[in-house]
Structures are given as C-alpha cells and as structure tokens.
Amino acid sequence: MSRRSGTPLGRAALTGATWLLALVFVFPLIWMVLTAFKQESEASTDPPTLLFTPTLEQFTAIVDRGFLPYLLNSAFVSVTSTAFVLLLGVPAAYALSLAPIPNTRGALGFFLSTKMLPIVAAIIPLYVISQNVRLLDHVWALVVLYTAMNLPLAVWMMRSFFLEVPGEMIEAGRVDGAGLPTLLRRVILPVVAPGIAATALVCLIFSWTEFFYAVNLTAARAGTVPVFLVGFITGEGLFWAQLSAAAVLASLPVVVVGWIAQNHLVRGLSMGAVK
C-alpha cells in the first residue's frame, strides 16, 4: 500500500504559501498597471490612493511624447539581433554537439569567458569604435552589440538541446543520403525547435530590456524603450503615472510574445532536464 503524500491540511498550507509567494512577485506588476490608469496627482499620494476613476490620459500623453520611434527602434534591434544570433548560433551549437570540433571544451570555455568582462569596462572602446565607423547613435551599432552579447548564451543553450537529438535519427538520415543542409532542416531542427524558440525568446527579452549600451551609444535617433523611460526622471521629480504607463506599454510586446510562445518556452527549457 502506498503512503499518502501528505495530509489535506498540509497540501492546503503548501498551496496557500505558493499563492502568497506568487502574489509577492506579481504585486509590483499589478501596482504598476494600476498606477498607469491614475491621474498624476493620485499616483504619488501618501497613503496610496486605492479607489480612483481609471483614465487613459497617461497613455495618450506617452504616445504624444514620441514613444512610437523608441518602440520601433527596440523592435528592430531586438528582432534583428535575435535573428543574427540564431543564424550564427545554430551552426555553432551543431558543431559543438553533434559534430564535435577539436578542443570542444576550449571553444565552450571561450564562449563563456566573453560574458565575464563587465560591460562598463568595455564602454569606452566601444564608444570610440562606434564613433570612428560612424555608427554612434545608430540602430546597427546596437544590433551588432546585442548579437555579440547574446550569442555565447544562445550557443550554450542550443548545444544542450542538440545533444538531446537521438543519434539513430541522424544515422538514418545519412544512410538515406541526406547532406548536412537537409539533415539540419528536416531531421535535427524539427526535434530542437522548442529549444530554439526558447533561446530566441530569451535573447529577445535580453535585447529588449538592455539599457547600458543603449543609453551610452544612442541619443536622438536610435534611442530604445529603456532610454525613453529614463526621460521621466527629471529634476522636478518623478512622474509616477506617466512612468507606469510607459512601462506598461514597454512591457506589453514582450508579455504578448511570451504568452504566445509559452508552450515552446516550457518545452524548450525542460529539454535535457530529465534523462
């Protein structure tokens, strides 16, 4: 006879603790959304205003303030850099997993070592290089930097996914006369597609939320959404309602993409977790 995993009271207590912990993590997001629908005078009261009449005034002010160009810059930089990461990372992950190159461990260590340099230590050389090649305050400078920033992480993630491909499938494809392009397209990629989708989503989020490079290498033309949000911190104080509205608009695209791709994300991140 199998023993019961726990008493009903214990399970109820565990469920309640889980919901409480989830509420703690989600509460700042809920508060940000509520503040976005307040008047500016209601957003900074002490004690906080809990009962108010919702308004879209702050969202209208954000759009009128020129939010759209920053949004388009972020979308272009994030999507383009993620596409480049996948274009370069998929062959690299294949070479480091299913067709190991000489000194694979050294290559993996090199990829990992590129993440160890603090970005603040590299900003001056990057600024000078961007200025010399006329990419300062240009979206392509951010595309190159975000591609280099996310590529090591993507290679490490996708390598673990490629290692889950059964060797028998690859051998069967080779016996049937499939070359490397056909093998990748028809045999390997369908198996690791959830992992690639998870990697792409992670890279997209990192690019969308990156601030340090964007604020130092852009100005009027190539500013991204995080740079736009900083504009609400002024010497006159913080505009909490407008800042919250801008943060909601900035978070919405990533939340929607994550919601749509959540099944692939869960499947991708769980690949290789259970042997």
C-alpha atoms as a PDB file:
ATOM      1  CA  MET A   1       0.000   0.000   0.000  1.00  0.00           C
ATOM      2  CA  SER A   2       1.417   3.353  -0.998  1.00  0.00           C
ATOM      3  CA  ARG A   3       1.566   6.060   1.595  1.00  0.00           C
ATOM      4  CA  ARG A   4      -0.258   9.324   1.030  1.00  0.00           C
ATOM      5  CA  SER A   5       1.986  12.207   0.069  1.00  0.00           C
ATOM      6  CA  GLY A   6       0.539  14.447   2.753  1.00  0.00           C
ATOM      7  CA  THR A   7      -2.484  15.428   4.765  1.00  0.00           C
ATOM      8  CA  PRO A   8      -5.185  17.670   3.266  1.00  0.00           C
ATOM      9  CA  LEU A   9      -4.205  20.393   5.728  1.00  0.00           C
ATOM     10  CA  GLY A  10      -0.564  20.168   4.671  1.00  0.00           C
ATOM     11  CA  ARG A  11      -1.446  20.327   0.983  1.00  0.00           C
ATOM     12  CA  ALA A  12      -3.726  23.301   1.590  1.00  0.00           C
ATOM     13  CA  ALA A  13      -0.981  25.096   3.510  1.00  0.00           C
ATOM     14  CA  LEU A  14       1.507  24.428   0.702  1.00  0.00           C
ATOM     15  CA  THR A  15      -0.958  25.723  -1.905  1.00  0.00           C
ATOM     16  CA  GLY A  16      -1.629  28.842   0.155  1.00  0.00           C
ATOM     17  CA  ALA A  17       2.084  29.502   0.616  1.00  0.00           C
ATOM     18  CA  THR A  18       2.635  29.088  -3.126  1.00  0.00           C
ATOM     19  CA  TRP A  19      -0.100  31.578  -3.980  1.00  0.00           C
ATOM     20  CA  LEU A  20       1.224  34.007  -1.390  1.00  0.00           C
ATOM     21  CA  LEU A  21       4.740  33.802  -2.824  1.00  0.00           C
ATOM     22  CA  ALA A  22       3.391  34.270  -6.351  1.00  0.00           C
ATOM     23  CA  LEU A  23       1.443  37.323  -5.205  1.00  0.00           C
ATOM     24  CA  VAL A  24       4.588  38.834  -3.687  1.00  0.00           C
ATOM     25  CA  PHE A  25       6.388  38.544  -7.022  1.00  0.00           C
ATOM     26  CA  VAL A  26       3.444  39.733  -9.129  1.00  0.00           C
ATOM     27  CA  PHE A  27       2.348  42.592  -6.842  1.00  0.00           C
ATOM     28  CA  PRO A  28       4.809  45.202  -8.257  1.00  0.00           C
ATOM     29  CA  LEU A  29       3.500  44.479 -11.763  1.00  0.00           C
ATOM     30  CA  ILE A  30      -0.105  44.795 -10.600  1.00  0.00           C
ATOM     31  CA  TRP A  31       0.688  48.058  -8.834  1.00  0.00           C
ATOM     32  CA  MET A  32       2.414  49.421 -11.947  1.00  0.00           C
ATOM     33  CA  VAL A  33      -0.635  48.651 -14.094  1.00  0.00           C
ATOM     34  CA  LEU A  34      -2.995  50.260 -11.581  1.00  0.00           C
ATOM     35  CA  THR A  35      -0.815  53.377 -11.325  1.00  0.00           C
ATOM     36  CA  ALA A  36      -0.807  53.725 -15.104  1.00  0.00           C
ATOM     37  CA  PHE A  37      -4.555  54.328 -15.033  1.00  0.00           C
ATOM     38  CA  LYS A  38      -4.399  57.027 -12.328  1.00  0.00           C
ATOM     39  CA  GLN A  39      -4.126  60.776 -12.551  1.00  0.00           C
ATOM     40  CA  GLU A  40      -0.673  62.104 -11.741  1.00  0.00           C
ATOM     41  CA  SER A  41      -1.986  63.650  -8.522  1.00  0.00           C
ATOM     42  CA  GLU A  42      -3.370  60.281  -7.406  1.00  0.00           C
ATOM     43  CA  ALA A  43      -0.202  58.316  -8.200  1.00  0.00           C
ATOM     44  CA  SER A  44       2.032  59.885  -5.551  1.00  0.00           C
ATOM     45  CA  THR A  45      -0.271  60.244  -2.552  1.00  0.00           C
ATOM     46  CA  ASP A  46       0.624  59.006   0.914  1.00  0.00           C
ATOM     47  CA  PRO A  47      -1.159  56.785   1.841  1.00  0.00           C
ATOM     48  CA  PRO A  48      -1.694  55.387  -1.684  1.00  0.00           C
ATOM     49  CA  THR A  49      -4.987  56.025  -3.437  1.00  0.00           C
ATOM     50  CA  LEU A  50      -6.798  52.709  -3.812  1.00  0.00           C
ATOM     51  CA  LEU A  51     -10.158  53.937  -5.102  1.00  0.00           C
ATOM     52  CA  PHE A  52      -9.930  56.028  -8.258  1.00  0.00           C
ATOM     53  CA  THR A  53     -11.563  56.572 -11.626  1.00  0.00           C
ATOM     54  CA  PRO A  54      -9.467  54.871 -14.357  1.00  0.00           C
ATOM     55  CA  THR A  55      -8.271  57.096 -17.176  1.00  0.00           C
ATOM     56  CA  LEU A  56      -6.291  56.650 -20.401  1.00  0.00           C
ATOM     57  CA  GLU A  57      -4.825  60.127 -20.132  1.00  0.00           C
ATOM     58  CA  GLN A  58      -1.338  58.900 -19.270  1.00  0.00           C
ATOM     59  CA  PHE A  59      -1.187  56.526 -22.235  1.00  0.00           C
ATOM     60  CA  THR A  60      -2.244  59.329 -24.565  1.00  0.00           C
ATOM     61  CA  ALA A  61       0.449  61.562 -23.100  1.00  0.00           C
ATOM     62  CA  ILE A  62       3.058  58.843 -23.641  1.00  0.00           C
ATOM     63  CA  VAL A  63       2.156  58.458 -27.313  1.00  0.00           C
ATOM     64  CA  ASP A  64       2.121  62.237 -27.797  1.00  0.00           C
ATOM     65  CA  ARG A  65       5.546  62.452 -26.192  1.00  0.00           C
ATOM     66  CA  GLY A  66       7.080  60.420 -29.037  1.00  0.00           C
ATOM     67  CA  PHE A  67       7.010  56.867 -27.735  1.00  0.00           C
ATOM     68  CA  LEU A  68       6.485  55.203 -31.124  1.00  0.00           C
ATOM     69  CA  PRO A  69      10.002  55.824 -32.599  1.00  0.00           C
ATOM     70  CA  TYR A  70      11.618  54.360 -29.480  1.00  0.00           C
ATOM     71  CA  LEU A  71       9.292  51.361 -29.711  1.00  0.00           C
ATOM     72  CA  LEU A  72      10.166  50.805 -33.376  1.00  0.00           C
ATOM     73  CA  ASN A  73      13.891  51.085 -32.614  1.00  0.00           C
ATOM     74  CA  SER A  74      13.605  48.484 -29.849  1.00  0.00           C
ATOM     75  CA  ALA A  75      11.592  46.158 -32.082  1.00  0.00           C
ATOM     76  CA  PHE A  76      14.068  46.434 -34.957  1.00  0.00           C
ATOM     77  CA  VAL A  77      17.152  45.996 -32.775  1.00  0.00           C
ATOM     78  CA  SER A  78      15.717  43.091 -30.766  1.00  0.00           C
ATOM     79  CA  VAL A  79      14.285  41.125 -33.687  1.00  0.00           C
ATOM     80  CA  THR A  80      17.285  41.676 -35.977  1.00  0.00           C
ATOM     81  CA  SER A  81      19.891  40.811 -33.350  1.00  0.00           C
ATOM     82  CA  THR A  82      17.938  37.701 -32.336  1.00  0.00           C
ATOM     83  CA  ALA A  83      17.785  36.606 -35.983  1.00  0.00           C
ATOM     84  CA  PHE A  84      21.565  37.032 -36.289  1.00  0.00           C
ATOM     85  CA  VAL A  85      22.092  35.114 -33.047  1.00  0.00           C
ATOM     86  CA  LEU A  86      20.092  32.168 -34.382  1.00  0.00           C
ATOM     87  CA  LEU A  87      21.792  32.351 -37.787  1.00  0.00           C
ATOM     88  CA  LEU A  88      25.236  32.137 -36.170  1.00  0.00           C
ATOM     89  CA  GLY A  89      24.341  30.098 -33.098  1.00  0.00           C
ATOM     90  CA  VAL A  90      22.605  27.122 -34.719  1.00  0.00           C
ATOM     91  CA  PRO A  91      25.654  26.032 -36.795  1.00  0.00           C
ATOM     92  CA  ALA A  92      27.951  26.669 -33.816  1.00  0.00           C
ATOM     93  CA  ALA A  93      25.761  24.616 -31.484  1.00  0.00           C
ATOM     94  CA  TYR A  94      25.630  21.805 -34.051  1.00  0.00           C
ATOM     95  CA  ALA A  95      29.412  21.836 -34.409  1.00  0.00           C
ATOM     96  CA  LEU A  96      29.889  21.725 -30.634  1.00  0.00           C
ATOM     97  CA  SER A  97      27.394  18.919 -30.026  1.00  0.00           C
ATOM     98  CA  LEU A  98      26.568  16.545 -32.872  1.00  0.00           C
ATOM     99  CA  ALA A  99      29.761  17.091 -34.892  1.00  0.00           C
ATOM    100  CA  PRO A 100      32.323  17.923 -32.189  1.00  0.00           C
ATOM    101  CA  ILE A 101      35.254  20.004 -33.358  1.00  0.00           C
ATOM    102  CA  PRO A 102      38.779  19.586 -31.949  1.00  0.00           C
ATOM    103  CA  ASN A 103      39.112  21.074 -28.467  1.00  0.00           C
ATOM    104  CA  THR A 104      35.361  21.488 -27.988  1.00  0.00           C
ATOM    105  CA  ARG A 105      35.821  22.168 -24.286  1.00  0.00           C
ATOM    106  CA  GLY A 106      38.209  25.040 -25.045  1.00  0.00           C
ATOM    107  CA  ALA A 107      35.742  26.530 -27.515  1.00  0.00           C
ATOM    108  CA  LEU A 108      32.952  26.364 -24.952  1.00  0.00           C
ATOM    109  CA  GLY A 109      35.200  27.985 -22.374  1.00  0.00           C
ATOM    110  CA  PHE A 110      35.984  30.800 -24.803  1.00  0.00           C
ATOM    111  CA  PHE A 111      32.286  31.448 -25.381  1.00  0.00           C
ATOM    112  CA  LEU A 112      31.702  31.559 -21.639  1.00  0.00           C
ATOM    113  CA  SER A 113      34.707  33.829 -20.994  1.00  0.00           C
ATOM    114  CA  THR A 114      33.224  36.534 -23.208  1.00  0.00           C
ATOM    115  CA  LYS A 115      30.485  37.016 -20.590  1.00  0.00           C
ATOM    116  CA  MET A 116      32.955  37.632 -17.772  1.00  0.00           C
ATOM    117  CA  LEU A 117      34.058  41.145 -18.794  1.00  0.00           C
ATOM    118  CA  PRO A 118      31.949  43.841 -17.078  1.00  0.00           C
ATOM    119  CA  ILE A 119      30.216  45.873 -19.750  1.00  0.00           C
ATOM    120  CA  VAL A 120      31.240  49.114 -18.049  1.00  0.00           C
ATOM    121  CA  ALA A 121      34.888  48.199 -18.726  1.00  0.00           C
ATOM    122  CA  ALA A 122      34.232  47.968 -22.474  1.00  0.00           C
ATOM    123  CA  ILE A 123      32.029  51.003 -22.999  1.00  0.00           C
ATOM    124  CA  ILE A 124      34.839  53.485 -23.775  1.00  0.00           C
ATOM    125  CA  PRO A 125      36.456  51.351 -26.522  1.00  0.00           C
ATOM    126  CA  LEU A 126      33.020  50.563 -27.925  1.00  0.00           C
ATOM    127  CA  TYR A 127      32.101  54.242 -27.923  1.00  0.00           C
ATOM    128  CA  VAL A 128      35.308  55.177 -29.771  1.00  0.00           C
ATOM    129  CA  ILE A 129      34.873  52.367 -32.309  1.00  0.00           C
ATOM    130  CA  SER A 130      31.241  53.306 -32.932  1.00  0.00           C
ATOM    131  CA  GLN A 131      32.245  56.918 -33.437  1.00  0.00           C
ATOM    132  CA  ASN A 132      35.070  56.015 -35.840  1.00  0.00           C
ATOM    133  CA  VAL A 133      32.894  53.767 -38.011  1.00  0.00           C
ATOM    134  CA  ARG A 134      30.037  56.303 -37.942  1.00  0.00           C
ATOM    135  CA  LEU A 135      27.642  54.037 -36.065  1.00  0.00           C
ATOM    136  CA  LEU A 136      27.251  56.221 -32.993  1.00  0.00           C
ATOM    137  CA  ASP A 137      23.553  56.868 -32.358  1.00  0.00           C
ATOM    138  CA  HIS A 138      22.630  54.261 -34.973  1.00  0.00           C
ATOM    139  CA  VAL A 139      20.480  51.174 -34.522  1.00  0.00           C
ATOM    140  CA  TRP A 140      23.016  48.934 -36.268  1.00  0.00           C
ATOM    141  CA  ALA A 141      25.553  49.575 -33.516  1.00  0.00           C
ATOM    142  CA  LEU A 142      23.093  48.085 -31.033  1.00  0.00           C
ATOM    143  CA  VAL A 143      22.313  45.196 -33.389  1.00  0.00           C
ATOM    144  CA  VAL A 144      25.997  44.227 -33.522  1.00  0.00           C
ATOM    145  CA  LEU A 145      26.472  44.595 -29.770  1.00  0.00           C
ATOM    146  CA  TYR A 146      23.319  42.688 -28.825  1.00  0.00           C
ATOM    147  CA  THR A 147      24.243  39.895 -31.217  1.00  0.00           C
ATOM    148  CA  ALA A 148      27.666  39.591 -29.591  1.00  0.00           C
ATOM    149  CA  MET A 149      26.113  39.864 -26.133  1.00  0.00           C
ATOM    150  CA  ASN A 150      23.542  37.088 -26.635  1.00  0.00           C
ATOM    151  CA  LEU A 151      25.489  34.717 -28.884  1.00  0.00           C
ATOM    152  CA  PRO A 152      27.507  32.924 -26.132  1.00  0.00           C
ATOM    153  CA  LEU A 153      24.380  32.263 -24.079  1.00  0.00           C
ATOM    154  CA  ALA A 154      22.499  31.071 -27.158  1.00  0.00           C
ATOM    155  CA  VAL A 155      25.276  28.662 -28.155  1.00  0.00           C
ATOM    156  CA  TRP A 156      25.389  27.141 -24.671  1.00  0.00           C
ATOM    157  CA  MET A 157      21.605  26.773 -24.530  1.00  0.00           C
ATOM    158  CA  MET A 158      21.185  25.336 -28.014  1.00  0.00           C
ATOM    159  CA  ARG A 159      24.108  22.945 -27.584  1.00  0.00           C
ATOM    160  CA  SER A 160      22.264  21.285 -24.705  1.00  0.00           C
ATOM    161  CA  PHE A 161      19.186  20.968 -26.928  1.00  0.00           C
ATOM    162  CA  PHE A 162      21.165  19.488 -29.833  1.00  0.00           C
ATOM    163  CA  LEU A 163      22.652  16.883 -27.506  1.00  0.00           C
ATOM    164  CA  GLU A 164      19.123  15.534 -26.993  1.00  0.00           C
ATOM    165  CA  VAL A 165      18.748  14.574 -30.669  1.00  0.00           C
ATOM    166  CA  PRO A 166      18.905  10.737 -30.944  1.00  0.00           C
ATOM    167  CA  GLY A 167      21.962   9.608 -32.826  1.00  0.00           C
ATOM    168  CA  GLU A 168      19.896   6.938 -34.598  1.00  0.00           C
ATOM    169  CA  MET A 169      17.856   9.649 -36.364  1.00  0.00           C
ATOM    170  CA  ILE A 170      20.996  11.305 -37.680  1.00  0.00           C
ATOM    171  CA  GLU A 171      22.464   7.989 -38.857  1.00  0.00           C
ATOM    172  CA  ALA A 172      19.195   7.099 -40.589  1.00  0.00           C
ATOM    173  CA  GLY A 173      19.224  10.416 -42.412  1.00  0.00           C
ATOM    174  CA  ARG A 174      22.805   9.904 -43.540  1.00  0.00           C
ATOM    175  CA  VAL A 175      22.004   6.376 -44.754  1.00  0.00           C
ATOM    176  CA  ASP A 176      19.194   7.851 -46.843  1.00  0.00           C
ATOM    177  CA  GLY A 177      21.724  10.154 -48.476  1.00  0.00           C
ATOM    178  CA  ALA A 178      20.822  13.413 -46.721  1.00  0.00           C
ATOM    179  CA  GLY A 179      23.532  16.047 -46.750  1.00  0.00           C
ATOM    180  CA  LEU A 180      24.230  18.425 -43.896  1.00  0.00           C
ATOM    181  CA  PRO A 181      21.721  21.145 -45.002  1.00  0.00           C
ATOM    182  CA  THR A 182      18.957  18.560 -45.480  1.00  0.00           C
ATOM    183  CA  LEU A 183      19.898  16.832 -42.235  1.00  0.00           C
ATOM    184  CA  LEU A 184      19.652  20.096 -40.328  1.00  0.00           C
ATOM    185  CA  ARG A 185      16.426  21.229 -41.967  1.00  0.00           C
ATOM    186  CA  ARG A 186      14.424  18.005 -41.976  1.00  0.00           C
ATOM    187  CA  VAL A 187      15.813  15.887 -39.144  1.00  0.00           C
ATOM    188  CA  ILE A 188      17.514  17.973 -36.457  1.00  0.00           C
ATOM    189  CA  LEU A 189      15.682  21.306 -36.436  1.00  0.00           C
ATOM    190  CA  PRO A 190      12.164  19.803 -36.034  1.00  0.00           C
ATOM    191  CA  VAL A 191      13.398  17.994 -32.900  1.00  0.00           C
ATOM    192  CA  VAL A 192      15.129  21.015 -31.321  1.00  0.00           C
ATOM    193  CA  ALA A 193      12.568  23.617 -32.495  1.00  0.00           C
ATOM    194  CA  PRO A 194      11.149  24.160 -28.954  1.00  0.00           C
ATOM    195  CA  GLY A 195      14.661  24.732 -27.618  1.00  0.00           C
ATOM    196  CA  ILE A 196      15.473  27.190 -30.400  1.00  0.00           C
ATOM    197  CA  ALA A 197      12.195  29.016 -29.717  1.00  0.00           C
ATOM    198  CA  ALA A 198      13.088  29.260 -26.018  1.00  0.00           C
ATOM    199  CA  THR A 199      16.554  30.549 -26.885  1.00  0.00           C
ATOM    200  CA  ALA A 200      15.122  33.128 -29.266  1.00  0.00           C
ATOM    201  CA  LEU A 201      12.673  34.362 -26.639  1.00  0.00           C
ATOM    202  CA  VAL A 202      15.409  34.714 -24.010  1.00  0.00           C
ATOM    203  CA  CYS A 203      17.631  36.653 -26.440  1.00  0.00           C
ATOM    204  CA  LEU A 204      14.680  38.829 -27.455  1.00  0.00           C
ATOM    205  CA  ILE A 205      13.934  39.723 -23.830  1.00  0.00           C
ATOM    206  CA  PHE A 206      17.586  40.488 -23.057  1.00  0.00           C
ATOM    207  CA  SER A 207      17.833  42.750 -26.121  1.00  0.00           C
ATOM    208  CA  TRP A 208      14.527  44.480 -25.393  1.00  0.00           C
ATOM    209  CA  THR A 209      15.430  45.306 -21.796  1.00  0.00           C
ATOM    210  CA  GLU A 210      19.131  46.174 -22.268  1.00  0.00           C
ATOM    211  CA  PHE A 211      19.852  49.686 -21.012  1.00  0.00           C
ATOM    212  CA  PHE A 212      23.564  50.365 -20.520  1.00  0.00           C
ATOM    213  CA  TYR A 213      24.702  50.151 -24.135  1.00  0.00           C
ATOM    214  CA  ALA A 214      21.582  51.919 -25.367  1.00  0.00           C
ATOM    215  CA  VAL A 215      21.864  54.904 -23.051  1.00  0.00           C
ATOM    216  CA  ASN A 216      25.577  55.400 -23.787  1.00  0.00           C
ATOM    217  CA  LEU A 217      25.652  54.776 -27.531  1.00  0.00           C
ATOM    218  CA  THR A 218      22.401  56.415 -28.643  1.00  0.00           C
ATOM    219  CA  ALA A 219      20.947  59.896 -28.472  1.00  0.00           C
ATOM    220  CA  ALA A 220      18.122  61.286 -30.573  1.00  0.00           C
ATOM    221  CA  ARG A 221      17.814  58.859 -33.493  1.00  0.00           C
ATOM    222  CA  ALA A 222      18.446  55.350 -32.146  1.00  0.00           C
ATOM    223  CA  GLY A 223      17.093  55.511 -28.596  1.00  0.00           C
ATOM    224  CA  THR A 224      15.252  52.418 -27.397  1.00  0.00           C
ATOM    225  CA  VAL A 225      12.398  51.957 -24.960  1.00  0.00           C
ATOM    226  CA  PRO A 226      14.586  51.760 -21.804  1.00  0.00           C
ATOM    227  CA  VAL A 227      16.188  55.089 -22.813  1.00  0.00           C
ATOM    228  CA  PHE A 228      12.722  56.580 -23.237  1.00  0.00           C
ATOM    229  CA  LEU A 229      11.754  55.524 -19.720  1.00  0.00           C
ATOM    230  CA  VAL A 230      14.718  57.365 -18.222  1.00  0.00           C
ATOM    231  CA  GLY A 231      13.301  60.630 -19.579  1.00  0.00           C
ATOM    232  CA  PHE A 232      10.688  60.617 -16.822  1.00  0.00           C
ATOM    233  CA  ILE A 233      13.352  61.035 -14.142  1.00  0.00           C
ATOM    234  CA  THR A 234      13.806  64.795 -14.014  1.00  0.00           C
ATOM    235  CA  GLY A 235      14.958  67.435 -11.585  1.00  0.00           C
ATOM    236  CA  GLU A 236      11.308  68.218 -10.922  1.00  0.00           C
ATOM    237  CA  GLY A 237      10.719  64.730  -9.566  1.00  0.00           C
ATOM    238  CA  LEU A 238       9.240  61.506 -10.857  1.00  0.00           C
ATOM    239  CA  PHE A 239       6.078  61.407 -12.933  1.00  0.00           C
ATOM    240  CA  TRP A 240       4.829  58.138 -11.487  1.00  0.00           C
ATOM    241  CA  ALA A 241       1.631  57.776 -13.516  1.00  0.00           C
ATOM    242  CA  GLN A 242       3.277  58.524 -16.870  1.00  0.00           C
ATOM    243  CA  LEU A 243       6.281  56.382 -16.000  1.00  0.00           C
ATOM    244  CA  SER A 244       3.995  53.476 -15.116  1.00  0.00           C
ATOM    245  CA  ALA A 245       2.030  53.919 -18.340  1.00  0.00           C
ATOM    246  CA  ALA A 246       5.250  53.950 -20.361  1.00  0.00           C
ATOM    247  CA  ALA A 247       6.483  50.853 -18.522  1.00  0.00           C
ATOM    248  CA  VAL A 248       3.212  49.044 -19.282  1.00  0.00           C
ATOM    249  CA  LEU A 249       3.497  49.887 -22.982  1.00  0.00           C
ATOM    250  CA  ALA A 250       7.157  48.855 -22.966  1.00  0.00           C
ATOM    251  CA  SER A 251       6.416  45.526 -21.287  1.00  0.00           C
ATOM    252  CA  LEU A 252       3.345  44.661 -23.341  1.00  0.00           C
ATOM    253  CA  PRO A 253       5.096  43.389 -26.520  1.00  0.00           C
ATOM    254  CA  VAL A 254       7.381  41.039 -24.583  1.00  0.00           C
ATOM    255  CA  VAL A 255       4.497  39.805 -22.428  1.00  0.00           C
ATOM    256  CA  VAL A 256       2.382  39.086 -25.522  1.00  0.00           C
ATOM    257  CA  VAL A 257       5.213  37.256 -27.287  1.00  0.00           C
ATOM    258  CA  GLY A 258       5.983  35.270 -24.139  1.00  0.00           C
ATOM    259  CA  TRP A 259       2.318  34.382 -23.697  1.00  0.00           C
ATOM    260  CA  ILE A 260       2.035  33.161 -27.288  1.00  0.00           C
ATOM    261  CA  ALA A 261       5.267  31.152 -27.082  1.00  0.00           C
ATOM    262  CA  GLN A 262       4.838  29.859 -23.538  1.00  0.00           C
ATOM    263  CA  ASN A 263       4.321  26.240 -24.604  1.00  0.00           C
ATOM    264  CA  HIS A 264       7.501  26.253 -26.673  1.00  0.00           C
ATOM    265  CA  LEU A 265       9.319  28.045 -23.858  1.00  0.00           C
ATOM    266  CA  VAL A 266       8.377  25.452 -21.253  1.00  0.00           C
ATOM    267  CA  ARG A 267       9.187  22.547 -23.583  1.00  0.00           C
ATOM    268  CA  GLY A 268      12.456  24.145 -24.659  1.00  0.00           C
ATOM    269  CA  LEU A 269      13.713  24.957 -21.179  1.00  0.00           C
ATOM    270  CA  SER A 270      12.787  21.461 -19.970  1.00  0.00           C
ATOM    271  CA  MET A 271      14.722  19.703 -22.753  1.00  0.00           C
ATOM    272  CA  GLY A 272      17.623  17.841 -21.240  1.00  0.00           C
ATOM    273  CA  ALA A 273      16.321  18.269 -17.689  1.00  0.00           C
ATOM    274  CA  VAL A 274      15.199  14.630 -17.422  1.00  0.00           C
ATOM    275  CA  LYS A 275      17.313  11.802 -18.738  1.00  0.00           C
END
